[in-house]
Amino acid sequence: MKISTDNRILAFIAGYTRQNGISPTIREIADGIGFASIGSVHRHIAKLEDEGLLDATKGKKRALVLNTSISVKPDDEDEHHVRLIMANGENKYLSFAMHEGAPVFSGPFCMNDIHEAGDVIACCAMTEEAYDSAIEKYLGL
């Protein structure tokens, strides 16, 4: 399976941060994934920020933070959708609702335990339309 550049960047940031206790610089990301230009990395970082998978503090060298949790109000009964980026480059799409303070998952990827998800390196909230579109692509509809 070919891993997208965005997922390679997310995986590099996750691994570097886990190993070093700080996030990598843009130059370290470029070197780590084999890019000569930091401009390309900047473009991918901006895209990942727009998608909600990554937060970066402007003007700081080591300020990249992966989004790895979605916060919802415990009493919110509406359905929520998230995209998980796995360490192997795979995307998983989850649909869940909060019930009595705990998430209840449903849909094509139903999880009961965090370990079933594998190594999640980032996640972002999705609109219902984006979730439906991703599931249609995944299921080949």
N, C-alpha and C. Protein backbone atom coordinates (compact mmCIF):
# COMPACT_ATOMS: atom_id res chain seq x y z
N MET A 1 0.84 -1.17 0.00
CA MET A 1 0.00 0.00 0.00
C MET A 1 0.89 1.24 0.00
N LYS A 2 0.61 2.17 -0.90
CA LYS A 2 1.37 3.43 -0.96
C LYS A 2 0.80 4.40 0.06
N ILE A 3 1.67 4.94 0.89
CA ILE A 3 1.24 5.89 1.91
C ILE A 3 1.37 7.30 1.37
N SER A 4 0.32 8.10 1.51
CA SER A 4 0.33 9.47 0.99
C SER A 4 1.38 10.30 1.71
N THR A 5 1.80 11.38 1.05
CA THR A 5 2.78 12.29 1.65
C THR A 5 2.23 12.86 2.95
N ASP A 6 0.95 13.24 2.97
CA ASP A 6 0.36 13.78 4.19
C ASP A 6 0.47 12.77 5.34
N ASN A 7 0.15 11.51 5.06
CA ASN A 7 0.22 10.50 6.11
C ASN A 7 1.67 10.22 6.52
N ARG A 8 2.60 10.29 5.57
CA ARG A 8 4.02 10.13 5.91
C ARG A 8 4.47 11.25 6.84
N ILE A 9 4.01 12.47 6.57
CA ILE A 9 4.36 13.61 7.43
C ILE A 9 3.77 13.42 8.82
N LEU A 10 2.50 13.04 8.90
CA LEU A 10 1.86 12.81 10.20
C LEU A 10 2.59 11.71 10.97
N ALA A 11 2.93 10.62 10.29
CA ALA A 11 3.63 9.51 10.95
C ALA A 11 5.01 9.95 11.42
N PHE A 12 5.70 10.76 10.61
CA PHE A 12 7.03 11.24 11.01
C PHE A 12 6.91 12.12 12.26
N ILE A 13 5.95 13.05 12.26
CA ILE A 13 5.76 13.94 13.41
C ILE A 13 5.45 13.11 14.65
N ALA A 14 4.55 12.12 14.53
CA ALA A 14 4.18 11.29 15.67
C ALA A 14 5.39 10.53 16.21
N GLY A 15 6.15 9.91 15.33
CA GLY A 15 7.31 9.13 15.75
C GLY A 15 8.40 9.99 16.35
N TYR A 16 8.67 11.13 15.72
CA TYR A 16 9.71 12.04 16.21
C TYR A 16 9.34 12.57 17.59
N THR A 17 8.09 12.98 17.75
CA THR A 17 7.63 13.54 19.02
C THR A 17 7.67 12.48 20.12
N ARG A 18 7.25 11.27 19.78
CA ARG A 18 7.27 10.17 20.76
C ARG A 18 8.72 9.88 21.19
N GLN A 19 9.65 9.89 20.25
CA GLN A 19 11.04 9.55 20.54
C GLN A 19 11.80 10.68 21.24
N ASN A 20 11.53 11.93 20.88
CA ASN A 20 12.32 13.06 21.36
C ASN A 20 11.63 13.94 22.40
N GLY A 21 10.34 13.78 22.56
CA GLY A 21 9.62 14.59 23.52
C GLY A 21 9.29 15.99 23.04
N ILE A 22 9.67 16.34 21.83
CA ILE A 22 9.36 17.63 21.21
C ILE A 22 9.01 17.38 19.75
N SER A 23 8.30 18.31 19.15
CA SER A 23 7.95 18.13 17.75
C SER A 23 9.13 18.49 16.85
N PRO A 24 9.16 17.94 15.64
CA PRO A 24 10.26 18.24 14.72
C PRO A 24 10.09 19.62 14.08
N THR A 25 11.20 20.16 13.58
CA THR A 25 11.15 21.38 12.79
C THR A 25 10.73 21.01 11.37
N ILE A 26 10.39 22.00 10.58
CA ILE A 26 10.03 21.76 9.18
C ILE A 26 11.21 21.13 8.44
N ARG A 27 12.43 21.59 8.70
CA ARG A 27 13.63 21.03 8.06
C ARG A 27 13.80 19.56 8.45
N GLU A 28 13.58 19.23 9.71
CA GLU A 28 13.71 17.84 10.15
C GLU A 28 12.65 16.95 9.49
N ILE A 29 11.46 17.49 9.29
CA ILE A 29 10.42 16.73 8.58
C ILE A 29 10.86 16.50 7.14
N ALA A 30 11.33 17.56 6.47
CA ALA A 30 11.78 17.44 5.08
C ALA A 30 12.88 16.39 4.97
N ASP A 31 13.86 16.46 5.84
CA ASP A 31 14.96 15.49 5.82
C ASP A 31 14.45 14.08 6.13
N GLY A 32 13.54 13.99 7.08
CA GLY A 32 13.02 12.69 7.52
C GLY A 32 12.21 11.95 6.48
N ILE A 33 11.52 12.69 5.62
CA ILE A 33 10.71 12.01 4.59
C ILE A 33 11.34 12.11 3.20
N GLY A 34 12.56 12.70 3.14
CA GLY A 34 13.29 12.72 1.88
C GLY A 34 12.93 13.84 0.93
N PHE A 35 12.47 14.97 1.45
CA PHE A 35 12.16 16.14 0.61
C PHE A 35 13.34 17.09 0.62
N ALA A 36 13.69 17.64 -0.53
CA ALA A 36 14.76 18.63 -0.60
C ALA A 36 14.24 20.00 -0.22
N SER A 37 12.97 20.27 -0.52
CA SER A 37 12.39 21.59 -0.31
C SER A 37 11.53 21.64 0.94
N ILE A 38 11.77 22.66 1.78
CA ILE A 38 10.89 22.82 2.93
C ILE A 38 9.57 23.48 2.51
N GLY A 39 9.57 24.12 1.34
CA GLY A 39 8.34 24.74 0.84
C GLY A 39 7.24 23.71 0.64
N SER A 40 7.61 22.53 0.13
CA SER A 40 6.62 21.46 -0.06
C SER A 40 6.06 21.01 1.28
N VAL A 41 6.93 20.91 2.27
CA VAL A 41 6.47 20.50 3.61
C VAL A 41 5.53 21.56 4.17
N HIS A 42 5.87 22.84 4.00
CA HIS A 42 4.99 23.92 4.47
C HIS A 42 3.59 23.79 3.85
N ARG A 43 3.53 23.50 2.56
CA ARG A 43 2.22 23.35 1.89
C ARG A 43 1.42 22.19 2.49
N HIS A 44 2.10 21.06 2.74
CA HIS A 44 1.41 19.91 3.32
C HIS A 44 0.97 20.20 4.76
N ILE A 45 1.81 20.89 5.51
CA ILE A 45 1.46 21.26 6.89
C ILE A 45 0.22 22.15 6.89
N ALA A 46 0.18 23.13 5.98
CA ALA A 46 -0.98 24.02 5.89
C ALA A 46 -2.25 23.24 5.56
N LYS A 47 -2.14 22.27 4.65
CA LYS A 47 -3.28 21.44 4.29
C LYS A 47 -3.75 20.61 5.48
N LEU A 48 -2.81 20.02 6.22
CA LEU A 48 -3.16 19.22 7.39
C LEU A 48 -3.80 20.06 8.48
N GLU A 49 -3.36 21.31 8.61
CA GLU A 49 -4.00 22.24 9.56
C GLU A 49 -5.43 22.53 9.13
N ASP A 50 -5.62 22.80 7.83
CA ASP A 50 -6.96 23.08 7.30
C ASP A 50 -7.90 21.90 7.53
N GLU A 51 -7.37 20.68 7.44
CA GLU A 51 -8.18 19.48 7.64
C GLU A 51 -8.43 19.18 9.11
N GLY A 52 -7.78 19.92 10.01
CA GLY A 52 -7.97 19.71 11.44
C GLY A 52 -7.15 18.58 12.02
N LEU A 53 -6.18 18.06 11.26
CA LEU A 53 -5.35 16.95 11.73
C LEU A 53 -4.12 17.40 12.50
N LEU A 54 -3.78 18.68 12.36
CA LEU A 54 -2.54 19.19 12.93
C LEU A 54 -2.75 20.63 13.37
N ASP A 55 -2.15 21.00 14.48
CA ASP A 55 -2.14 22.39 14.94
C ASP A 55 -0.70 22.86 14.96
N ALA A 56 -0.48 24.10 14.54
CA ALA A 56 0.86 24.68 14.55
C ALA A 56 0.78 26.10 15.08
N THR A 57 1.69 26.45 15.97
CA THR A 57 1.76 27.81 16.48
C THR A 57 2.69 28.60 15.57
N LYS A 58 2.16 29.64 14.97
CA LYS A 58 2.95 30.46 14.04
C LYS A 58 4.12 31.11 14.77
N GLY A 59 5.28 31.14 14.10
CA GLY A 59 6.45 31.81 14.63
C GLY A 59 7.29 30.98 15.58
N LYS A 60 6.88 29.75 15.83
CA LYS A 60 7.67 28.87 16.70
C LYS A 60 8.19 27.70 15.88
N LYS A 61 9.43 27.29 16.16
CA LYS A 61 10.05 26.22 15.39
C LYS A 61 9.51 24.83 15.70
N ARG A 62 9.18 24.58 16.93
CA ARG A 62 8.76 23.23 17.34
C ARG A 62 7.37 23.30 17.95
N ALA A 63 6.40 23.64 17.12
CA ALA A 63 5.06 23.87 17.64
C ALA A 63 4.00 23.06 16.90
N LEU A 64 4.38 21.92 16.34
CA LEU A 64 3.43 21.08 15.64
C LEU A 64 2.81 20.08 16.61
N VAL A 65 1.49 20.05 16.67
CA VAL A 65 0.79 19.15 17.58
C VAL A 65 -0.26 18.39 16.77
N LEU A 66 -0.18 17.06 16.84
CA LEU A 66 -1.17 16.24 16.16
C LEU A 66 -2.47 16.25 16.95
N ASN A 67 -3.58 16.32 16.23
CA ASN A 67 -4.88 16.20 16.87
C ASN A 67 -5.19 14.72 17.01
N THR A 68 -5.26 14.24 18.24
CA THR A 68 -5.50 12.82 18.47
C THR A 68 -6.72 12.56 19.35
N SER A 69 -7.49 13.58 19.59
CA SER A 69 -8.72 13.35 20.36
C SER A 69 -9.80 14.31 19.88
N ILE A 70 -11.00 13.88 20.02
CA ILE A 70 -12.17 14.69 19.66
C ILE A 70 -12.97 14.89 20.93
N SER A 71 -13.23 16.12 21.27
CA SER A 71 -14.00 16.42 22.48
C SER A 71 -15.46 16.67 22.13
N VAL A 72 -16.33 16.02 22.86
CA VAL A 72 -17.76 16.26 22.71
C VAL A 72 -18.37 16.34 24.11
N LYS A 73 -19.49 16.99 24.21
CA LYS A 73 -20.18 17.05 25.49
C LYS A 73 -20.77 15.68 25.80
N PRO A 74 -20.62 15.18 27.03
CA PRO A 74 -21.13 13.85 27.37
C PRO A 74 -22.62 13.67 27.13
N ASP A 75 -23.39 14.75 27.26
CA ASP A 75 -24.83 14.60 27.10
C ASP A 75 -25.30 14.83 25.67
N ASP A 76 -24.37 14.99 24.76
CA ASP A 76 -24.71 15.24 23.37
C ASP A 76 -25.09 13.91 22.70
N GLU A 77 -26.33 13.76 22.29
CA GLU A 77 -26.80 12.51 21.70
C GLU A 77 -26.69 12.51 20.17
N ASP A 78 -26.28 13.64 19.59
CA ASP A 78 -26.14 13.68 18.13
C ASP A 78 -25.01 12.77 17.69
N GLU A 79 -25.09 12.32 16.45
CA GLU A 79 -24.04 11.47 15.90
C GLU A 79 -22.85 12.33 15.49
N HIS A 80 -21.64 11.80 15.72
CA HIS A 80 -20.40 12.47 15.35
C HIS A 80 -19.62 11.55 14.41
N HIS A 81 -18.75 12.16 13.61
CA HIS A 81 -17.95 11.40 12.66
C HIS A 81 -16.50 11.85 12.78
N VAL A 82 -15.58 10.88 12.75
CA VAL A 82 -14.16 11.20 12.81
C VAL A 82 -13.39 10.39 11.77
N ARG A 83 -12.28 10.96 11.36
CA ARG A 83 -11.33 10.29 10.47
C ARG A 83 -10.09 10.01 11.30
N LEU A 84 -9.67 8.75 11.34
CA LEU A 84 -8.45 8.36 12.04
C LEU A 84 -7.37 8.08 11.00
N ILE A 85 -6.19 8.63 11.22
CA ILE A 85 -5.04 8.32 10.38
C ILE A 85 -4.20 7.30 11.14
N MET A 86 -4.02 6.12 10.57
CA MET A 86 -3.29 5.06 11.22
C MET A 86 -1.81 5.14 10.85
N ALA A 87 -0.96 4.55 11.66
CA ALA A 87 0.49 4.58 11.43
C ALA A 87 0.85 3.91 10.10
N ASN A 88 0.04 2.95 9.65
CA ASN A 88 0.33 2.28 8.39
C ASN A 88 -0.18 3.05 7.17
N GLY A 89 -0.69 4.27 7.39
CA GLY A 89 -1.18 5.10 6.30
C GLY A 89 -2.65 4.93 5.99
N GLU A 90 -3.28 3.96 6.62
CA GLU A 90 -4.69 3.69 6.37
C GLU A 90 -5.56 4.75 7.05
N ASN A 91 -6.69 5.07 6.43
CA ASN A 91 -7.69 5.95 7.03
C ASN A 91 -8.82 5.08 7.54
N LYS A 92 -9.31 5.39 8.74
CA LYS A 92 -10.51 4.73 9.23
C LYS A 92 -11.52 5.83 9.55
N TYR A 93 -12.77 5.56 9.26
CA TYR A 93 -13.83 6.53 9.48
C TYR A 93 -14.80 5.95 10.49
N LEU A 94 -15.03 6.69 11.56
CA LEU A 94 -15.90 6.23 12.62
C LEU A 94 -17.09 7.14 12.81
N SER A 95 -18.19 6.54 13.12
CA SER A 95 -19.41 7.26 13.47
C SER A 95 -19.74 6.86 14.89
N PHE A 96 -20.05 7.86 15.73
CA PHE A 96 -20.37 7.54 17.12
C PHE A 96 -21.32 8.57 17.70
N ALA A 97 -21.97 8.16 18.78
CA ALA A 97 -22.81 9.06 19.57
C ALA A 97 -22.40 8.89 21.02
N MET A 98 -22.59 9.92 21.80
CA MET A 98 -22.30 9.83 23.23
C MET A 98 -23.55 9.31 23.94
N HIS A 99 -23.34 8.34 24.80
CA HIS A 99 -24.45 7.79 25.58
C HIS A 99 -23.96 7.61 27.02
N GLU A 100 -24.58 8.32 27.94
CA GLU A 100 -24.23 8.27 29.36
C GLU A 100 -22.73 8.53 29.57
N GLY A 101 -22.20 9.49 28.83
CA GLY A 101 -20.82 9.92 29.01
C GLY A 101 -19.77 9.09 28.30
N ALA A 102 -20.17 8.09 27.53
CA ALA A 102 -19.20 7.25 26.81
C ALA A 102 -19.55 7.20 25.33
N PRO A 103 -18.54 7.13 24.45
CA PRO A 103 -18.83 7.03 23.03
C PRO A 103 -19.35 5.64 22.68
N VAL A 104 -20.36 5.60 21.83
CA VAL A 104 -20.89 4.34 21.31
C VAL A 104 -20.68 4.40 19.80
N PHE A 105 -19.83 3.50 19.29
CA PHE A 105 -19.47 3.52 17.88
C PHE A 105 -20.43 2.68 17.06
N SER A 106 -20.60 3.12 15.81
CA SER A 106 -21.45 2.38 14.88
C SER A 106 -20.87 2.55 13.49
N GLY A 107 -21.47 1.91 12.51
CA GLY A 107 -21.02 2.07 11.14
C GLY A 107 -20.03 1.00 10.72
N PRO A 108 -19.38 1.21 9.56
CA PRO A 108 -18.48 0.20 9.00
C PRO A 108 -17.31 -0.16 9.90
N PHE A 109 -16.85 0.78 10.72
CA PHE A 109 -15.73 0.51 11.61
C PHE A 109 -16.21 0.67 13.04
N CYS A 110 -16.75 -0.37 13.59
CA CYS A 110 -17.28 -0.31 14.95
C CYS A 110 -16.17 -0.74 15.90
N MET A 111 -15.84 0.12 16.87
CA MET A 111 -14.78 -0.19 17.82
C MET A 111 -15.35 -0.26 19.22
N ASN A 112 -14.89 -1.21 19.97
CA ASN A 112 -15.28 -1.33 21.38
C ASN A 112 -14.14 -0.98 22.31
N ASP A 113 -12.93 -1.02 21.81
CA ASP A 113 -11.75 -0.84 22.64
C ASP A 113 -10.72 -0.07 21.84
N ILE A 114 -10.00 0.83 22.49
CA ILE A 114 -9.01 1.65 21.80
C ILE A 114 -7.97 0.80 21.08
N HIS A 115 -7.65 -0.39 21.61
CA HIS A 115 -6.61 -1.21 21.00
C HIS A 115 -7.01 -1.77 19.65
N GLU A 116 -8.30 -1.88 19.39
CA GLU A 116 -8.75 -2.37 18.09
C GLU A 116 -8.39 -1.41 16.97
N ALA A 117 -8.13 -0.15 17.30
CA ALA A 117 -7.85 0.85 16.29
C ALA A 117 -6.42 0.77 15.78
N GLY A 118 -5.53 0.11 16.49
CA GLY A 118 -4.13 0.09 16.09
C GLY A 118 -3.45 1.37 16.53
N ASP A 119 -2.43 1.78 15.82
CA ASP A 119 -1.66 2.96 16.19
C ASP A 119 -2.23 4.18 15.48
N VAL A 120 -3.10 4.92 16.16
CA VAL A 120 -3.69 6.13 15.60
C VAL A 120 -2.70 7.27 15.78
N ILE A 121 -2.36 7.95 14.67
CA ILE A 121 -1.41 9.05 14.79
C ILE A 121 -2.08 10.41 14.73
N ALA A 122 -3.28 10.49 14.20
CA ALA A 122 -4.00 11.77 14.17
C ALA A 122 -5.46 11.49 13.87
N CYS A 123 -6.31 12.42 14.25
CA CYS A 123 -7.72 12.29 13.91
C CYS A 123 -8.35 13.67 13.78
N CYS A 124 -9.44 13.73 13.05
CA CYS A 124 -10.15 15.00 12.91
C CYS A 124 -11.64 14.74 12.82
N ALA A 125 -12.39 15.72 13.26
CA ALA A 125 -13.84 15.65 13.16
C ALA A 125 -14.23 15.82 11.69
N MET A 126 -15.33 15.21 11.31
CA MET A 126 -15.82 15.31 9.93
C MET A 126 -17.27 15.75 9.94
N THR A 127 -17.64 16.46 8.90
CA THR A 127 -19.06 16.78 8.72
C THR A 127 -19.77 15.50 8.28
N GLU A 128 -21.07 15.48 8.40
CA GLU A 128 -21.82 14.31 7.97
C GLU A 128 -21.63 14.06 6.47
N GLU A 129 -21.59 15.13 5.69
CA GLU A 129 -21.41 14.99 4.24
C GLU A 129 -20.05 14.39 3.90
N ALA A 130 -18.98 14.86 4.58
CA ALA A 130 -17.63 14.33 4.33
C ALA A 130 -17.56 12.86 4.74
N TYR A 131 -18.19 12.52 5.85
CA TYR A 131 -18.20 11.13 6.31
C TYR A 131 -18.92 10.25 5.30
N ASP A 132 -20.10 10.66 4.86
CA ASP A 132 -20.86 9.88 3.89
C ASP A 132 -20.07 9.68 2.60
N SER A 133 -19.39 10.73 2.14
CA SER A 133 -18.59 10.65 0.92
C SER A 133 -17.42 9.67 1.10
N ALA A 134 -16.74 9.73 2.24
CA ALA A 134 -15.61 8.83 2.50
C ALA A 134 -16.07 7.37 2.56
N ILE A 135 -17.20 7.13 3.21
CA ILE A 135 -17.72 5.76 3.31
C ILE A 135 -18.13 5.25 1.94
N GLU A 136 -18.75 6.10 1.14
CA GLU A 136 -19.13 5.70 -0.23
C GLU A 136 -17.89 5.31 -1.04
N LYS A 137 -16.81 6.09 -0.93
CA LYS A 137 -15.56 5.77 -1.63
C LYS A 137 -15.00 4.45 -1.12
N TYR A 138 -14.99 4.29 0.20
CA TYR A 138 -14.43 3.08 0.81
C TYR A 138 -15.21 1.83 0.37
N LEU A 139 -16.52 1.94 0.35
CA LEU A 139 -17.36 0.81 0.00
C LEU A 139 -17.50 0.64 -1.52
N GLY A 140 -16.92 1.59 -2.28
CA GLY A 140 -16.97 1.49 -3.75
C GLY A 140 -18.32 1.79 -4.33
N LEU A 141 -19.09 2.66 -3.69
CA LEU A 141 -20.43 3.01 -4.18
C LEU A 141 -20.38 4.12 -5.19
